[in-house]
Amino acid sequence: MELRPLGVADCALICRHRAAMFRDSGRSEAVIAEMDTPFRAWLEPRLADGRYFGWAIVADGRDIAGLGMMVIDWPPHPSHPTQAQRGYVLNVYVEPDHRRRGLARRLMDEAVAEAKRRGLQFMILHATDQGRSLYESLGWVDTAEMALVIADTVG
């Protein structure tokens, strides 16, 4: 199995994996469909200029796993007091027939190695229930993040 960097031509792959990831975590088909066009519009320029990067794993000529990453602007924080950025991992996905073979771990190891190459001191991700045990086994810990969904702010 080969690890390869993601590129502009991988927009459809990333979108497919992202939709499958949310589907597997129990999100509704309506929300997944609603998100598709805005996500593509967000992703395309970031793939083109390198703000979104990552890797796919290829087996028998087929992309079977992927991971996206960004370096995000974030004010210095107790977890990274001298740095105004953090690594952000997203869209981690392994095709069902290739799970439990260490592919997500391989992708996560590459993401950490890339963070080190870029001199990042801190990384974050949002874990699904399916991925939580892997991330914990790699040393990732829960944080105190909370969220508020603000609906219909325009009307």
N, C-alpha and C. Protein backbone atom coordinates (compact mmCIF):
# COMPACT_ATOMS: atom_id res chain seq x y z
N MET A 1 0.85 -1.18 0.00
CA MET A 1 0.00 0.00 0.00
C MET A 1 0.88 1.23 0.00
N GLU A 2 0.48 2.18 -0.79
CA GLU A 2 1.28 3.39 -1.01
C GLU A 2 0.61 4.60 -0.36
N LEU A 3 1.41 5.41 0.29
CA LEU A 3 0.95 6.68 0.84
C LEU A 3 1.29 7.76 -0.18
N ARG A 4 0.31 8.58 -0.55
CA ARG A 4 0.59 9.65 -1.52
C ARG A 4 -0.04 10.95 -1.03
N PRO A 5 0.56 12.08 -1.40
CA PRO A 5 -0.03 13.36 -1.00
C PRO A 5 -1.31 13.65 -1.77
N LEU A 6 -2.22 14.34 -1.12
CA LEU A 6 -3.44 14.80 -1.77
C LEU A 6 -3.12 15.99 -2.67
N GLY A 7 -3.91 16.15 -3.72
CA GLY A 7 -3.74 17.28 -4.62
C GLY A 7 -5.09 17.79 -5.09
N VAL A 8 -5.06 18.76 -5.97
CA VAL A 8 -6.27 19.39 -6.49
C VAL A 8 -7.22 18.36 -7.10
N ALA A 9 -6.69 17.36 -7.76
CA ALA A 9 -7.51 16.34 -8.41
C ALA A 9 -8.25 15.45 -7.42
N ASP A 10 -7.96 15.59 -6.13
CA ASP A 10 -8.57 14.73 -5.11
C ASP A 10 -9.82 15.33 -4.46
N CYS A 11 -10.34 16.41 -4.99
CA CYS A 11 -11.52 17.04 -4.39
C CYS A 11 -12.67 16.04 -4.26
N ALA A 12 -12.98 15.32 -5.31
CA ALA A 12 -14.10 14.37 -5.26
C ALA A 12 -13.85 13.27 -4.24
N LEU A 13 -12.62 12.77 -4.16
CA LEU A 13 -12.27 11.74 -3.17
C LEU A 13 -12.50 12.25 -1.76
N ILE A 14 -12.00 13.44 -1.47
CA ILE A 14 -12.13 14.02 -0.13
C ILE A 14 -13.62 14.21 0.20
N CYS A 15 -14.38 14.71 -0.75
CA CYS A 15 -15.82 14.90 -0.53
C CYS A 15 -16.53 13.57 -0.28
N ARG A 16 -16.16 12.56 -1.04
CA ARG A 16 -16.77 11.24 -0.86
C ARG A 16 -16.43 10.66 0.51
N HIS A 17 -15.16 10.75 0.90
CA HIS A 17 -14.76 10.24 2.21
C HIS A 17 -15.42 11.03 3.33
N ARG A 18 -15.50 12.35 3.18
CA ARG A 18 -16.12 13.17 4.22
C ARG A 18 -17.59 12.81 4.40
N ALA A 19 -18.31 12.65 3.29
CA ALA A 19 -19.72 12.27 3.38
C ALA A 19 -19.86 10.90 4.04
N ALA A 20 -19.02 9.95 3.67
CA ALA A 20 -19.08 8.61 4.26
C ALA A 20 -18.75 8.66 5.75
N MET A 21 -17.78 9.49 6.13
CA MET A 21 -17.42 9.63 7.54
C MET A 21 -18.61 10.12 8.35
N PHE A 22 -19.29 11.16 7.85
CA PHE A 22 -20.45 11.68 8.57
C PHE A 22 -21.61 10.69 8.55
N ARG A 23 -21.78 9.98 7.45
CA ARG A 23 -22.82 8.95 7.35
C ARG A 23 -22.57 7.87 8.40
N ASP A 24 -21.32 7.40 8.48
CA ASP A 24 -20.96 6.36 9.46
C ASP A 24 -21.16 6.82 10.89
N SER A 25 -21.05 8.13 11.13
CA SER A 25 -21.22 8.64 12.50
C SER A 25 -22.67 8.99 12.81
N GLY A 26 -23.57 8.68 11.87
CA GLY A 26 -24.99 8.83 12.16
C GLY A 26 -25.63 10.12 11.69
N ARG A 27 -24.94 10.93 10.92
CA ARG A 27 -25.54 12.17 10.42
C ARG A 27 -26.57 11.85 9.35
N SER A 28 -27.55 12.72 9.22
CA SER A 28 -28.64 12.48 8.28
C SER A 28 -28.20 12.72 6.84
N GLU A 29 -28.81 11.98 5.92
CA GLU A 29 -28.51 12.16 4.50
C GLU A 29 -28.85 13.57 4.05
N ALA A 30 -29.89 14.16 4.63
CA ALA A 30 -30.27 15.53 4.25
C ALA A 30 -29.16 16.52 4.58
N VAL A 31 -28.59 16.41 5.75
CA VAL A 31 -27.51 17.33 6.16
C VAL A 31 -26.26 17.08 5.32
N ILE A 32 -25.94 15.82 5.07
CA ILE A 32 -24.77 15.49 4.25
C ILE A 32 -24.92 16.08 2.86
N ALA A 33 -26.10 15.94 2.27
CA ALA A 33 -26.34 16.48 0.93
C ALA A 33 -26.29 18.00 0.93
N GLU A 34 -26.85 18.62 1.95
CA GLU A 34 -26.87 20.08 2.04
C GLU A 34 -25.45 20.64 2.14
N MET A 35 -24.57 19.92 2.77
CA MET A 35 -23.21 20.36 3.01
C MET A 35 -22.31 20.19 1.78
N ASP A 36 -22.67 19.33 0.85
CA ASP A 36 -21.77 18.96 -0.24
C ASP A 36 -21.30 20.15 -1.07
N THR A 37 -22.18 20.92 -1.64
CA THR A 37 -21.78 22.03 -2.52
C THR A 37 -20.99 23.10 -1.76
N PRO A 38 -21.44 23.54 -0.58
CA PRO A 38 -20.63 24.52 0.15
C PRO A 38 -19.25 23.98 0.55
N PHE A 39 -19.18 22.69 0.89
CA PHE A 39 -17.87 22.13 1.25
C PHE A 39 -16.94 22.12 0.04
N ARG A 40 -17.44 21.70 -1.12
CA ARG A 40 -16.61 21.71 -2.33
C ARG A 40 -16.11 23.12 -2.64
N ALA A 41 -16.99 24.10 -2.51
CA ALA A 41 -16.60 25.50 -2.78
C ALA A 41 -15.53 25.96 -1.79
N TRP A 42 -15.60 25.48 -0.57
CA TRP A 42 -14.59 25.81 0.45
C TRP A 42 -13.28 25.08 0.16
N LEU A 43 -13.38 23.80 -0.21
CA LEU A 43 -12.20 22.95 -0.35
C LEU A 43 -11.35 23.29 -1.57
N GLU A 44 -11.97 23.53 -2.71
CA GLU A 44 -11.23 23.69 -3.96
C GLU A 44 -10.12 24.73 -3.89
N PRO A 45 -10.38 25.95 -3.42
CA PRO A 45 -9.27 26.92 -3.37
C PRO A 45 -8.20 26.54 -2.34
N ARG A 46 -8.58 25.86 -1.29
CA ARG A 46 -7.61 25.46 -0.27
C ARG A 46 -6.71 24.32 -0.75
N LEU A 47 -7.26 23.42 -1.54
CA LEU A 47 -6.41 22.41 -2.17
C LEU A 47 -5.46 23.06 -3.17
N ALA A 48 -5.98 24.03 -3.92
CA ALA A 48 -5.18 24.69 -4.96
C ALA A 48 -3.99 25.45 -4.38
N ASP A 49 -4.20 26.12 -3.24
CA ASP A 49 -3.10 26.93 -2.70
C ASP A 49 -2.34 26.25 -1.56
N GLY A 50 -2.73 25.03 -1.22
CA GLY A 50 -2.00 24.27 -0.21
C GLY A 50 -2.43 24.50 1.22
N ARG A 51 -3.46 25.30 1.45
CA ARG A 51 -3.92 25.48 2.83
C ARG A 51 -4.55 24.20 3.37
N TYR A 52 -5.11 23.38 2.50
CA TYR A 52 -5.61 22.05 2.86
C TYR A 52 -4.66 21.07 2.19
N PHE A 53 -4.11 20.17 2.97
CA PHE A 53 -3.19 19.17 2.45
C PHE A 53 -3.44 17.87 3.19
N GLY A 54 -2.82 16.83 2.75
CA GLY A 54 -3.00 15.55 3.42
C GLY A 54 -2.52 14.42 2.57
N TRP A 55 -3.03 13.23 2.86
CA TRP A 55 -2.53 12.03 2.22
C TRP A 55 -3.67 11.04 1.97
N ALA A 56 -3.47 10.23 0.96
CA ALA A 56 -4.34 9.10 0.68
C ALA A 56 -3.48 7.84 0.69
N ILE A 57 -4.10 6.74 1.03
CA ILE A 57 -3.43 5.45 0.92
C ILE A 57 -4.09 4.72 -0.25
N VAL A 58 -3.23 4.20 -1.12
CA VAL A 58 -3.66 3.54 -2.34
C VAL A 58 -3.33 2.05 -2.26
N ALA A 59 -4.30 1.22 -2.59
CA ALA A 59 -4.09 -0.22 -2.68
C ALA A 59 -4.73 -0.71 -3.97
N ASP A 60 -3.98 -1.46 -4.73
CA ASP A 60 -4.49 -2.00 -6.00
C ASP A 60 -5.09 -0.91 -6.88
N GLY A 61 -4.43 0.25 -6.91
CA GLY A 61 -4.87 1.34 -7.76
C GLY A 61 -6.09 2.10 -7.27
N ARG A 62 -6.52 1.83 -6.05
CA ARG A 62 -7.73 2.45 -5.50
C ARG A 62 -7.39 3.20 -4.21
N ASP A 63 -7.91 4.42 -4.08
CA ASP A 63 -7.73 5.20 -2.85
C ASP A 63 -8.65 4.59 -1.78
N ILE A 64 -8.05 4.09 -0.71
CA ILE A 64 -8.84 3.38 0.30
C ILE A 64 -8.88 4.09 1.65
N ALA A 65 -8.09 5.13 1.80
CA ALA A 65 -8.07 5.87 3.07
C ALA A 65 -7.53 7.26 2.81
N GLY A 66 -7.90 8.18 3.67
CA GLY A 66 -7.40 9.54 3.51
C GLY A 66 -7.47 10.33 4.80
N LEU A 67 -6.69 11.40 4.82
CA LEU A 67 -6.65 12.32 5.96
C LEU A 67 -6.32 13.70 5.43
N GLY A 68 -7.03 14.70 5.93
CA GLY A 68 -6.75 16.09 5.59
C GLY A 68 -6.13 16.80 6.78
N MET A 69 -5.43 17.88 6.47
CA MET A 69 -4.77 18.65 7.53
C MET A 69 -4.69 20.11 7.11
N MET A 70 -4.70 20.96 8.10
CA MET A 70 -4.54 22.40 7.89
C MET A 70 -3.67 22.95 9.01
N VAL A 71 -3.04 24.05 8.73
CA VAL A 71 -2.41 24.85 9.79
C VAL A 71 -3.34 26.03 9.97
N ILE A 72 -3.93 26.15 11.17
CA ILE A 72 -4.91 27.20 11.39
C ILE A 72 -4.35 28.30 12.29
N ASP A 73 -4.77 29.50 11.99
CA ASP A 73 -4.40 30.67 12.77
C ASP A 73 -5.12 30.59 14.11
N TRP A 74 -4.38 30.67 15.22
CA TRP A 74 -4.97 30.58 16.55
C TRP A 74 -4.10 31.38 17.49
N PRO A 75 -4.67 32.18 18.36
CA PRO A 75 -3.82 32.98 19.24
C PRO A 75 -3.00 32.10 20.19
N PRO A 76 -1.86 32.60 20.62
CA PRO A 76 -1.12 31.85 21.64
C PRO A 76 -2.05 31.45 22.78
N HIS A 77 -1.83 30.27 23.29
CA HIS A 77 -2.76 29.61 24.21
C HIS A 77 -1.92 28.83 25.22
N PRO A 78 -2.43 28.53 26.40
CA PRO A 78 -1.62 27.75 27.35
C PRO A 78 -1.06 26.45 26.76
N SER A 79 -1.73 25.86 25.78
CA SER A 79 -1.23 24.63 25.16
C SER A 79 -0.13 24.89 24.13
N HIS A 80 -0.04 26.13 23.65
CA HIS A 80 1.02 26.54 22.71
C HIS A 80 1.28 28.03 22.92
N PRO A 81 1.93 28.37 24.06
CA PRO A 81 2.04 29.77 24.49
C PRO A 81 2.90 30.67 23.61
N THR A 82 3.74 30.12 22.78
CA THR A 82 4.61 30.97 21.96
C THR A 82 4.28 30.90 20.48
N GLN A 83 3.19 30.25 20.14
CA GLN A 83 2.88 30.03 18.73
C GLN A 83 1.44 30.44 18.43
N ALA A 84 1.24 31.15 17.32
CA ALA A 84 -0.08 31.65 16.94
C ALA A 84 -0.70 30.79 15.84
N GLN A 85 -0.56 29.49 15.98
CA GLN A 85 -1.16 28.56 15.03
C GLN A 85 -1.21 27.18 15.65
N ARG A 86 -2.01 26.32 15.06
CA ARG A 86 -2.07 24.92 15.47
C ARG A 86 -2.39 24.06 14.26
N GLY A 87 -2.01 22.82 14.35
CA GLY A 87 -2.37 21.88 13.30
C GLY A 87 -3.79 21.39 13.52
N TYR A 88 -4.52 21.19 12.44
CA TYR A 88 -5.88 20.69 12.53
C TYR A 88 -6.03 19.50 11.59
N VAL A 89 -6.39 18.36 12.14
CA VAL A 89 -6.60 17.14 11.37
C VAL A 89 -8.09 16.97 11.14
N LEU A 90 -8.47 16.64 9.91
CA LEU A 90 -9.89 16.46 9.59
C LEU A 90 -10.06 15.44 8.47
N ASN A 91 -11.27 14.98 8.35
CA ASN A 91 -11.65 14.07 7.27
C ASN A 91 -10.82 12.79 7.23
N VAL A 92 -10.60 12.21 8.40
CA VAL A 92 -9.91 10.92 8.48
C VAL A 92 -10.93 9.83 8.13
N TYR A 93 -10.59 9.03 7.12
CA TYR A 93 -11.54 8.00 6.70
C TYR A 93 -10.82 6.82 6.09
N VAL A 94 -11.28 5.62 6.44
CA VAL A 94 -10.79 4.37 5.86
C VAL A 94 -12.00 3.61 5.31
N GLU A 95 -11.89 3.17 4.07
CA GLU A 95 -12.98 2.40 3.47
C GLU A 95 -13.28 1.17 4.34
N PRO A 96 -14.57 0.83 4.50
CA PRO A 96 -14.95 -0.26 5.42
C PRO A 96 -14.21 -1.58 5.21
N ASP A 97 -13.96 -1.96 3.98
CA ASP A 97 -13.30 -3.25 3.73
C ASP A 97 -11.79 -3.22 3.99
N HIS A 98 -11.26 -2.09 4.44
CA HIS A 98 -9.83 -1.98 4.76
C HIS A 98 -9.58 -1.53 6.20
N ARG A 99 -10.60 -1.52 7.02
CA ARG A 99 -10.45 -1.08 8.41
C ARG A 99 -9.75 -2.13 9.26
N ARG A 100 -9.23 -1.68 10.40
CA ARG A 100 -8.54 -2.53 11.37
C ARG A 100 -7.25 -3.13 10.82
N ARG A 101 -6.59 -2.36 9.95
CA ARG A 101 -5.31 -2.80 9.38
C ARG A 101 -4.21 -1.77 9.63
N GLY A 102 -4.49 -0.78 10.48
CA GLY A 102 -3.48 0.21 10.81
C GLY A 102 -3.37 1.37 9.85
N LEU A 103 -4.33 1.51 8.93
CA LEU A 103 -4.22 2.58 7.93
C LEU A 103 -4.47 3.96 8.53
N ALA A 104 -5.46 4.08 9.39
CA ALA A 104 -5.71 5.37 10.04
C ALA A 104 -4.52 5.75 10.92
N ARG A 105 -3.95 4.78 11.59
CA ARG A 105 -2.75 5.03 12.41
C ARG A 105 -1.61 5.53 11.52
N ARG A 106 -1.42 4.91 10.37
CA ARG A 106 -0.37 5.34 9.45
C ARG A 106 -0.60 6.78 8.99
N LEU A 107 -1.84 7.12 8.68
CA LEU A 107 -2.16 8.49 8.28
C LEU A 107 -1.91 9.47 9.42
N MET A 108 -2.32 9.10 10.63
CA MET A 108 -2.11 9.97 11.79
C MET A 108 -0.62 10.16 12.07
N ASP A 109 0.16 9.10 11.94
CA ASP A 109 1.61 9.22 12.12
C ASP A 109 2.20 10.21 11.11
N GLU A 110 1.71 10.16 9.87
CA GLU A 110 2.19 11.09 8.84
C GLU A 110 1.80 12.53 9.19
N ALA A 111 0.57 12.70 9.71
CA ALA A 111 0.12 14.04 10.09
C ALA A 111 0.99 14.61 11.21
N VAL A 112 1.32 13.80 12.20
CA VAL A 112 2.19 14.26 13.30
C VAL A 112 3.58 14.57 12.78
N ALA A 113 4.09 13.73 11.89
CA ALA A 113 5.41 13.99 11.31
C ALA A 113 5.40 15.31 10.53
N GLU A 114 4.32 15.57 9.81
CA GLU A 114 4.22 16.84 9.06
C GLU A 114 4.15 18.03 10.02
N ALA A 115 3.40 17.88 11.10
CA ALA A 115 3.34 18.95 12.09
C ALA A 115 4.73 19.25 12.64
N LYS A 116 5.49 18.22 12.90
CA LYS A 116 6.86 18.42 13.39
C LYS A 116 7.72 19.10 12.34
N ARG A 117 7.58 18.69 11.07
CA ARG A 117 8.35 19.33 9.99
C ARG A 117 8.03 20.82 9.91
N ARG A 118 6.79 21.16 10.19
CA ARG A 118 6.36 22.56 10.13
C ARG A 118 6.60 23.31 11.44
N GLY A 119 7.13 22.64 12.43
CA GLY A 119 7.43 23.28 13.70
C GLY A 119 6.22 23.55 14.58
N LEU A 120 5.13 22.85 14.34
CA LEU A 120 3.93 23.07 15.14
C LEU A 120 4.09 22.44 16.52
N GLN A 121 3.52 23.10 17.52
CA GLN A 121 3.61 22.63 18.90
C GLN A 121 2.33 21.94 19.37
N PHE A 122 1.24 22.09 18.63
CA PHE A 122 -0.06 21.64 19.12
C PHE A 122 -0.95 21.27 17.94
N MET A 123 -1.70 20.21 18.10
CA MET A 123 -2.63 19.76 17.06
C MET A 123 -3.99 19.48 17.69
N ILE A 124 -5.04 19.64 16.88
CA ILE A 124 -6.39 19.32 17.33
C ILE A 124 -7.10 18.51 16.26
N LEU A 125 -8.17 17.87 16.67
CA LEU A 125 -9.09 17.21 15.76
C LEU A 125 -10.41 17.05 16.49
N HIS A 126 -11.45 16.76 15.73
CA HIS A 126 -12.75 16.45 16.30
C HIS A 126 -12.99 14.97 16.05
N ALA A 127 -13.10 14.19 17.10
CA ALA A 127 -13.18 12.74 16.98
C ALA A 127 -14.62 12.26 16.90
N THR A 128 -14.85 11.32 15.99
CA THR A 128 -16.11 10.58 16.01
C THR A 128 -15.96 9.48 17.06
N ASP A 129 -17.07 8.90 17.44
CA ASP A 129 -17.00 7.77 18.38
C ASP A 129 -16.15 6.64 17.81
N GLN A 130 -16.22 6.45 16.50
CA GLN A 130 -15.48 5.37 15.85
C GLN A 130 -13.96 5.59 15.92
N GLY A 131 -13.52 6.84 15.88
CA GLY A 131 -12.10 7.13 15.87
C GLY A 131 -11.47 7.38 17.21
N ARG A 132 -12.30 7.62 18.21
CA ARG A 132 -11.80 8.04 19.52
C ARG A 132 -10.74 7.09 20.10
N SER A 133 -10.96 5.79 20.06
CA SER A 133 -10.00 4.87 20.69
C SER A 133 -8.64 4.91 19.98
N LEU A 134 -8.64 5.06 18.67
CA LEU A 134 -7.37 5.19 17.95
C LEU A 134 -6.64 6.43 18.42
N TYR A 135 -7.32 7.57 18.44
CA TYR A 135 -6.65 8.82 18.82
C TYR A 135 -6.12 8.75 20.25
N GLU A 136 -6.92 8.17 21.14
CA GLU A 136 -6.45 8.02 22.53
C GLU A 136 -5.21 7.14 22.60
N SER A 137 -5.17 6.06 21.79
CA SER A 137 -4.00 5.17 21.80
C SER A 137 -2.76 5.88 21.28
N LEU A 138 -2.94 6.95 20.51
CA LEU A 138 -1.82 7.73 19.96
C LEU A 138 -1.44 8.90 20.87
N GLY A 139 -2.11 9.02 22.02
CA GLY A 139 -1.76 10.07 22.98
C GLY A 139 -2.63 11.31 22.92
N TRP A 140 -3.63 11.34 22.07
CA TRP A 140 -4.54 12.49 22.00
C TRP A 140 -5.46 12.46 23.22
N VAL A 141 -5.82 13.65 23.72
CA VAL A 141 -6.67 13.74 24.91
C VAL A 141 -7.86 14.66 24.63
N ASP A 142 -8.94 14.44 25.38
CA ASP A 142 -10.11 15.31 25.29
C ASP A 142 -9.75 16.70 25.79
N THR A 143 -10.39 17.70 25.20
CA THR A 143 -10.22 19.08 25.67
C THR A 143 -11.57 19.59 26.16
N ALA A 144 -11.61 20.81 26.60
CA ALA A 144 -12.83 21.39 27.16
C ALA A 144 -13.66 22.15 26.13
N GLU A 145 -13.48 21.87 24.86
CA GLU A 145 -14.22 22.61 23.83
C GLU A 145 -15.72 22.37 23.95
N MET A 146 -16.47 23.42 23.72
CA MET A 146 -17.93 23.36 23.69
C MET A 146 -18.36 24.03 22.40
N ALA A 147 -19.62 23.85 22.02
CA ALA A 147 -20.12 24.45 20.78
C ALA A 147 -21.54 24.95 20.96
N LEU A 148 -21.90 25.93 20.17
CA LEU A 148 -23.25 26.45 20.12
C LEU A 148 -23.63 26.63 18.66
N VAL A 149 -24.71 26.03 18.26
CA VAL A 149 -25.20 26.18 16.89
C VAL A 149 -26.19 27.33 16.90
N ILE A 150 -25.91 28.35 16.10
CA ILE A 150 -26.79 29.51 15.99
C ILE A 150 -27.54 29.39 14.69
N ALA A 151 -28.82 29.13 14.78
CA ALA A 151 -29.63 28.90 13.58
C ALA A 151 -30.35 30.18 13.18
N ASP A 152 -30.51 30.35 11.88
CA ASP A 152 -31.33 31.42 11.31
C ASP A 152 -30.91 32.80 11.83
N THR A 153 -29.63 33.11 11.75
CA THR A 153 -29.15 34.42 12.23
C THR A 153 -29.45 35.53 11.26
N VAL A 154 -29.75 35.20 10.00
CA VAL A 154 -30.02 36.24 8.99
C VAL A 154 -31.45 36.75 9.07
N GLY A 155 -32.40 35.85 9.25
CA GLY A 155 -33.82 36.19 9.18
C GLY A 155 -34.33 36.84 10.38
